[in-house]
């Protein structure tokens, strides 16, 4: 009996202890008494999810891109730091990086001068450009950014620009110039003469005199590539016949040296009173038929 009483007393003590740790609400149900906390909850920082592929065109030509997205898998709370950055990013497809010095700007390749295409893979070319007639071109290049220079052969003048640049549009900055043949200063007509030829560089001008005149100077001069004549033009000088002396027992109309085309009259004495017929002699164009010693 004593053991049983001890057991009942132990059960009563345990029951009392349980009643002390619980309170009874108005409905008669029991609940555990909670202690109030006096500290604030810790801050929670935002956290991004991993990047996931959103779209891709890597199966296309060079320059394809892939777009990735992410989201806030844990928003900031209790004053924690918010997530920083974009929810989307675009990257070039593997193996399709910008070529020939191009730079990726986040959406496409920015190509340097002379190249174009989605990955700057194509060299910019301008149409073929030949040297002008009677001229030269520095080199037959046609790639973007290149410059060509033009020049003319000696004796020709360049009309237009001396250079042209292959622009990013694929066209030349200037048209091909023209090489125009140069010329020398105009010549005055030679008095008592004539001239024929051309005043263009490399050409020759030929001179001649009218009958009764001789050429003094070169019979022809050349227009040099520098645009100047090789010599001064000639002149035409009247032919001069020798001076005639009056014949013995006769007279002469003039004792001066006549020029070509003029004449002297000679007359012989037949008596102390009367004179004989008058004879005339012309000064020829080459003075060969005018010789006073043939008249007596």
Protein backbone atom coordinates (compact mmCIF):
# COMPACT_ATOMS: atom_id res chain seq x y z
CA UNK A 1 0.00 0.00 0.00
CA UNK A 2 2.78 2.37 0.72
CA UNK A 3 4.34 2.00 -2.68
CA UNK A 4 1.06 2.80 -4.27
CA UNK A 5 0.67 5.98 -2.27
CA UNK A 6 4.14 7.10 -3.20
CA UNK A 7 3.33 6.58 -6.88
CA UNK A 8 0.12 8.61 -6.57
CA UNK A 9 1.99 11.40 -4.83
CA UNK A 10 4.56 11.54 -7.64
CA UNK A 11 1.80 11.72 -10.26
CA UNK A 12 0.13 14.54 -8.35
CA UNK A 13 3.36 16.56 -8.25
CA UNK A 14 3.90 16.13 -12.00
CA UNK A 15 0.35 17.24 -12.71
CA UNK A 16 0.82 20.34 -10.60
CA UNK A 17 3.97 21.23 -12.43
CA UNK A 18 2.20 20.93 -15.77
CA UNK A 19 -0.60 23.17 -14.59
CA UNK A 20 1.90 25.83 -13.49
CA UNK A 21 3.46 25.94 -17.07
CA UNK A 22 0.12 26.39 -18.79
CA UNK A 23 -2.72 28.86 -18.61
CA UNK A 24 -6.31 28.28 -19.33
CA UNK A 25 -8.13 30.66 -21.77
CA UNK A 26 -11.78 31.60 -21.63
CA UNK A 27 -12.83 28.57 -23.62
CA UNK A 28 -11.17 26.30 -21.19
CA UNK A 29 -8.39 25.25 -23.64
CA UNK A 30 -4.82 25.36 -22.52
CA UNK A 31 -1.97 27.11 -24.33
CA UNK A 32 1.74 27.42 -23.71
CA UNK A 33 2.76 30.79 -22.39
CA UNK A 34 5.25 32.52 -24.73
CA UNK A 35 7.86 35.03 -23.82
CA UNK A 36 7.92 38.30 -25.72
CA UNK A 37 11.15 39.14 -27.65
CA UNK A 38 12.58 42.62 -27.19
CA UNK A 39 15.05 42.49 -30.28
CA UNK A 40 14.29 43.52 -34.03
CA UNK A 41 14.55 40.92 -36.84
CA UNK A 42 17.85 40.97 -38.82
CA UNK A 43 17.98 42.69 -42.30
CA UNK A 44 17.62 40.52 -45.34
CA UNK A 45 19.55 41.44 -48.56
CA UNK A 46 18.13 40.93 -52.02
CA UNK A 47 19.47 37.98 -53.95
CA UNK A 48 19.47 37.40 -57.75
CA UNK A 49 18.62 34.15 -59.35
CA UNK A 50 21.06 32.55 -61.80
CA UNK A 51 21.06 33.76 -65.42
CA UNK A 52 18.83 31.73 -67.70
CA UNK A 53 18.75 31.75 -71.51
CA UNK A 54 15.84 33.77 -72.84
CA UNK A 55 16.48 33.87 -76.63
CA UNK A 56 19.25 33.08 -79.13
CA UNK A 57 20.00 33.48 -82.85
CA UNK A 58 23.38 31.78 -82.81
CA UNK A 59 22.34 29.60 -85.70
CA UNK A 60 22.37 32.62 -88.03
CA UNK A 61 25.31 34.33 -89.71
CA UNK A 62 28.22 35.97 -87.93
CA UNK A 63 27.15 38.33 -85.20
CA UNK A 64 24.41 36.26 -83.59
CA UNK A 65 23.53 37.06 -79.98
CA UNK A 66 22.10 35.32 -76.94
CA UNK A 67 19.85 37.02 -74.39
CA UNK A 68 19.76 36.01 -70.73
CA UNK A 69 17.33 36.97 -67.95
CA UNK A 70 17.27 36.76 -64.14
CA UNK A 71 14.88 37.67 -61.33
CA UNK A 72 14.97 38.57 -57.66
CA UNK A 73 14.63 35.24 -55.96
CA UNK A 74 14.74 36.89 -52.55
CA UNK A 75 13.62 40.52 -52.22
CA UNK A 76 15.22 42.82 -49.69
CA UNK A 77 13.58 42.98 -46.24
CA UNK A 78 14.07 44.67 -42.87
CA UNK A 79 16.27 47.35 -44.46
CA UNK A 80 18.49 44.96 -46.38
CA UNK A 81 20.33 45.94 -49.62
CA UNK A 82 18.37 45.79 -52.83
CA UNK A 83 19.65 43.92 -55.88
CA UNK A 84 21.82 45.98 -58.24
CA UNK A 85 21.98 45.47 -62.02
CA UNK A 86 19.75 44.63 -64.97
CA UNK A 87 17.33 41.79 -65.29
CA UNK A 88 18.51 41.11 -68.87
CA UNK A 89 21.83 40.95 -70.75
CA UNK A 90 22.90 40.23 -74.35
CA UNK A 91 26.14 38.55 -75.37
CA UNK A 92 27.65 37.55 -78.73
CA UNK A 93 27.42 33.92 -79.63
CA UNK A 94 30.57 31.90 -78.94
CA UNK A 95 32.99 32.04 -81.87
CA UNK A 96 31.39 35.12 -83.43
CA UNK A 97 33.42 37.88 -81.79
CA UNK A 98 34.05 41.14 -83.67
CA UNK A 99 36.75 40.76 -86.29
CA UNK A 100 39.34 43.12 -87.85
CA UNK A 101 39.53 45.29 -84.76
CA UNK A 102 35.78 45.73 -84.27
CA UNK A 103 34.43 46.49 -80.80
CA UNK A 104 31.32 45.01 -79.19
CA UNK A 105 29.01 47.79 -77.94
CA UNK A 106 26.59 45.54 -76.09
CA UNK A 107 24.28 44.90 -79.00
CA UNK A 108 26.43 44.76 -82.16
CA UNK A 109 29.95 45.21 -83.46
CA UNK A 110 31.28 48.70 -84.13
CA UNK A 111 33.55 48.31 -87.15
CA UNK A 112 36.72 50.30 -87.84
CA UNK A 113 37.20 52.19 -91.09
CA UNK A 114 37.49 49.87 -94.07
CA UNK A 115 35.33 47.03 -92.71
CA UNK A 116 31.63 46.29 -92.40
CA UNK A 117 29.25 43.43 -91.64
CA UNK A 118 27.66 42.06 -88.48
CA UNK A 119 31.12 41.03 -87.23
CA UNK A 120 33.24 43.46 -89.31
CA UNK A 121 34.22 40.45 -91.38
CA UNK A 122 33.90 42.10 -94.80
CA UNK A 123 36.49 44.46 -96.28
CA UNK A 124 34.99 47.63 -97.69
CA UNK A 125 35.73 48.01 -101.41
CA UNK A 126 35.22 50.96 -103.76
CA UNK A 127 34.73 50.60 -107.54
CA UNK A 128 37.92 50.24 -109.61
CA UNK A 129 39.55 53.58 -110.37
CA UNK A 130 41.88 53.91 -113.37
CA UNK A 131 44.53 56.49 -114.12
CA UNK A 132 43.37 59.46 -116.23
CA UNK A 133 44.35 59.58 -119.89
CA UNK A 134 47.87 60.99 -120.23
CA UNK A 135 48.34 60.61 -116.48
CA UNK A 136 49.12 58.20 -113.64
CA UNK A 137 47.53 56.92 -110.42
CA UNK A 138 49.58 56.19 -107.30
CA UNK A 139 48.25 52.64 -106.75
CA UNK A 140 45.11 50.73 -107.78
CA UNK A 141 43.87 50.25 -104.18
CA UNK A 142 40.14 50.08 -103.53
CA UNK A 143 39.73 49.29 -99.82
CA UNK A 144 37.96 51.58 -97.36
CA UNK A 145 40.01 54.45 -96.00
CA UNK A 146 42.68 54.20 -98.69
CA UNK A 147 43.75 57.31 -100.60
CA UNK A 148 44.90 57.40 -104.24
CA UNK A 149 46.80 60.24 -105.90
CA UNK A 150 46.71 61.41 -109.51
CA UNK A 151 49.32 63.13 -111.68
CA UNK A 152 49.66 64.07 -115.35
CA UNK A 153 52.36 63.42 -117.95
CA UNK A 154 54.76 66.26 -118.79
CA UNK A 155 53.00 68.82 -120.90
CA UNK A 156 49.57 68.15 -119.39
CA UNK A 157 47.66 70.05 -116.71
CA UNK A 158 45.52 68.36 -114.02
CA UNK A 159 41.88 69.50 -114.02
CA UNK A 160 40.13 68.31 -110.85
CA UNK A 161 41.25 66.92 -107.50
CA UNK A 162 44.71 65.36 -107.21
CA UNK A 163 43.48 62.68 -104.75
CA UNK A 164 40.43 60.57 -103.83
CA UNK A 165 39.52 58.59 -100.69
CA UNK A 166 37.55 55.33 -100.53
CA UNK A 167 34.80 56.27 -98.05
CA UNK A 168 32.76 54.10 -95.70
CA UNK A 169 29.83 54.35 -98.11
CA UNK A 170 31.81 52.40 -100.70
CA UNK A 171 32.23 55.37 -103.05
CA UNK A 172 35.15 57.66 -103.89
CA UNK A 173 35.27 61.12 -102.34
CA UNK A 174 36.20 62.71 -105.71
CA UNK A 175 35.81 61.86 -109.36
CA UNK A 176 38.79 60.96 -111.51
CA UNK A 177 40.45 64.15 -112.81
CA UNK A 178 41.30 65.03 -116.42
CA UNK A 179 44.77 65.62 -117.80
CA UNK A 180 44.48 68.45 -120.33
CA UNK A 181 47.26 69.15 -122.75
CA UNK A 182 49.07 72.36 -121.85
CA UNK A 183 49.96 75.17 -124.20
CA UNK A 184 52.47 77.95 -124.71
CA UNK A 185 51.70 81.68 -124.95
CA UNK A 186 50.13 82.81 -128.22
CA UNK A 187 52.57 84.04 -130.88
CA UNK A 188 52.18 87.22 -132.89
CA UNK A 189 52.08 86.87 -136.66
CA UNK A 190 55.54 87.52 -138.11
CA UNK A 191 55.41 90.64 -140.35
CA UNK A 192 55.94 89.71 -144.02
CA UNK A 193 55.77 86.03 -143.12
CA UNK A 194 53.53 83.20 -142.05
CA UNK A 195 53.53 80.39 -139.50
CA UNK A 196 51.76 77.09 -139.09
CA UNK A 197 51.64 74.48 -136.34
CA UNK A 198 50.20 74.18 -132.83
CA UNK A 199 50.76 75.98 -129.54
CA UNK A 200 50.14 72.83 -127.47
CA UNK A 201 52.99 71.41 -125.42
CA UNK A 202 55.20 69.13 -127.47
CA UNK A 203 54.09 70.73 -130.75
CA UNK A 204 56.21 72.67 -133.23
CA UNK A 205 55.54 76.03 -134.89
CA UNK A 206 57.14 76.52 -138.33
CA UNK A 207 57.79 79.90 -139.95
CA UNK A 208 58.31 81.12 -143.54
CA UNK A 209 58.69 84.53 -145.23
CA UNK A 210 56.96 86.13 -148.18
CA UNK A 211 58.84 86.46 -151.50
CA UNK A 212 61.49 89.18 -151.26
CA UNK A 213 62.18 88.49 -147.56
CA UNK A 214 64.63 86.22 -145.84
CA UNK A 215 64.17 84.43 -142.48
CA UNK A 216 66.29 85.74 -139.63
CA UNK A 217 66.24 83.23 -136.77
CA UNK A 218 65.06 79.63 -136.37
CA UNK A 219 62.68 78.23 -138.94
CA UNK A 220 60.74 76.41 -136.20
CA UNK A 221 60.35 76.49 -132.41
CA UNK A 222 58.86 73.93 -129.98
CA UNK A 223 56.40 74.35 -127.10
CA UNK A 224 58.17 72.64 -124.18
CA UNK A 225 56.38 70.57 -121.49
CA UNK A 226 56.89 73.52 -119.14
CA UNK A 227 54.65 75.68 -121.33
CA UNK A 228 57.38 77.95 -122.76
CA UNK A 229 58.73 78.24 -126.31
CA UNK A 230 62.15 76.75 -127.00
CA UNK A 231 63.32 79.99 -128.69
CA UNK A 232 62.17 83.44 -129.78
CA UNK A 233 60.25 83.51 -133.08
CA UNK A 234 62.20 84.64 -136.15
CA UNK A 235 61.73 87.79 -138.25
CA UNK A 236 61.44 88.34 -141.99
CA UNK A 237 63.99 90.79 -143.46
CA UNK A 238 63.67 92.32 -146.90
CA UNK A 239 66.15 91.07 -149.52
CA UNK A 240 68.78 93.75 -150.38
CA UNK A 241 70.48 93.88 -153.79
CA UNK A 242 74.03 95.27 -154.15
CA UNK A 243 74.52 98.92 -154.99
CA UNK A 244 74.90 99.58 -158.72
CA UNK A 245 77.45 101.92 -160.15
CA UNK A 246 76.52 103.92 -163.25
CA UNK A 247 77.94 102.44 -166.45
CA UNK A 248 80.64 104.23 -168.41
CA UNK A 249 79.14 106.92 -170.57
CA UNK A 250 75.77 106.44 -168.88
CA UNK A 251 73.58 107.35 -165.91
CA UNK A 252 71.65 105.51 -163.19
CA UNK A 253 68.47 106.57 -161.45
CA UNK A 254 69.67 105.58 -157.98
CA UNK A 255 72.92 104.61 -156.40
CA UNK A 256 71.44 103.14 -153.22
CA UNK A 257 71.08 99.42 -152.52
CA UNK A 258 67.47 98.64 -153.63
CA UNK A 259 65.34 96.07 -151.91
CA UNK A 260 63.64 93.17 -153.59
CA UNK A 261 60.91 94.15 -156.00
CA UNK A 262 62.32 97.62 -156.74
CA UNK A 263 64.20 98.64 -159.83
CA UNK A 264 66.87 101.02 -161.11
CA UNK A 265 66.92 102.67 -164.50
CA UNK A 266 70.10 102.96 -166.52
CA UNK A 267 70.65 105.08 -169.58
CA UNK A 268 73.65 105.26 -171.88
CA UNK A 269 74.93 108.47 -173.55
CA UNK A 270 74.87 108.46 -177.39
CA UNK A 271 76.08 111.99 -177.96
CA UNK A 272 76.88 115.03 -176.05
CA UNK A 273 73.33 116.24 -176.63
CA UNK A 274 71.08 113.23 -176.80
CA UNK A 275 70.94 110.10 -174.62
CA UNK A 276 70.08 106.57 -175.62
CA UNK A 277 67.03 104.50 -174.52
CA UNK A 278 66.34 103.87 -170.85
CA UNK A 279 67.01 100.36 -169.52
CA UNK A 280 65.49 99.11 -166.26
CA UNK A 281 66.65 96.30 -164.00
CA UNK A 282 64.66 94.80 -161.11
CA UNK A 283 66.02 93.66 -157.77
CA UNK A 284 64.93 90.05 -157.67
CA UNK A 285 63.70 88.15 -154.61
CA UNK A 286 67.11 86.57 -154.15
CA UNK A 287 69.24 89.44 -155.57
CA UNK A 288 70.95 87.13 -158.07
CA UNK A 289 69.85 89.03 -161.19
CA UNK A 290 71.05 92.40 -159.98
CA UNK A 291 74.74 92.86 -160.76
CA UNK A 292 76.08 96.21 -161.80
CA UNK A 293 79.10 94.74 -163.50
CA UNK A 294 76.92 93.20 -166.23
CA UNK A 295 75.84 96.62 -167.46
CA UNK A 296 78.25 98.57 -169.70
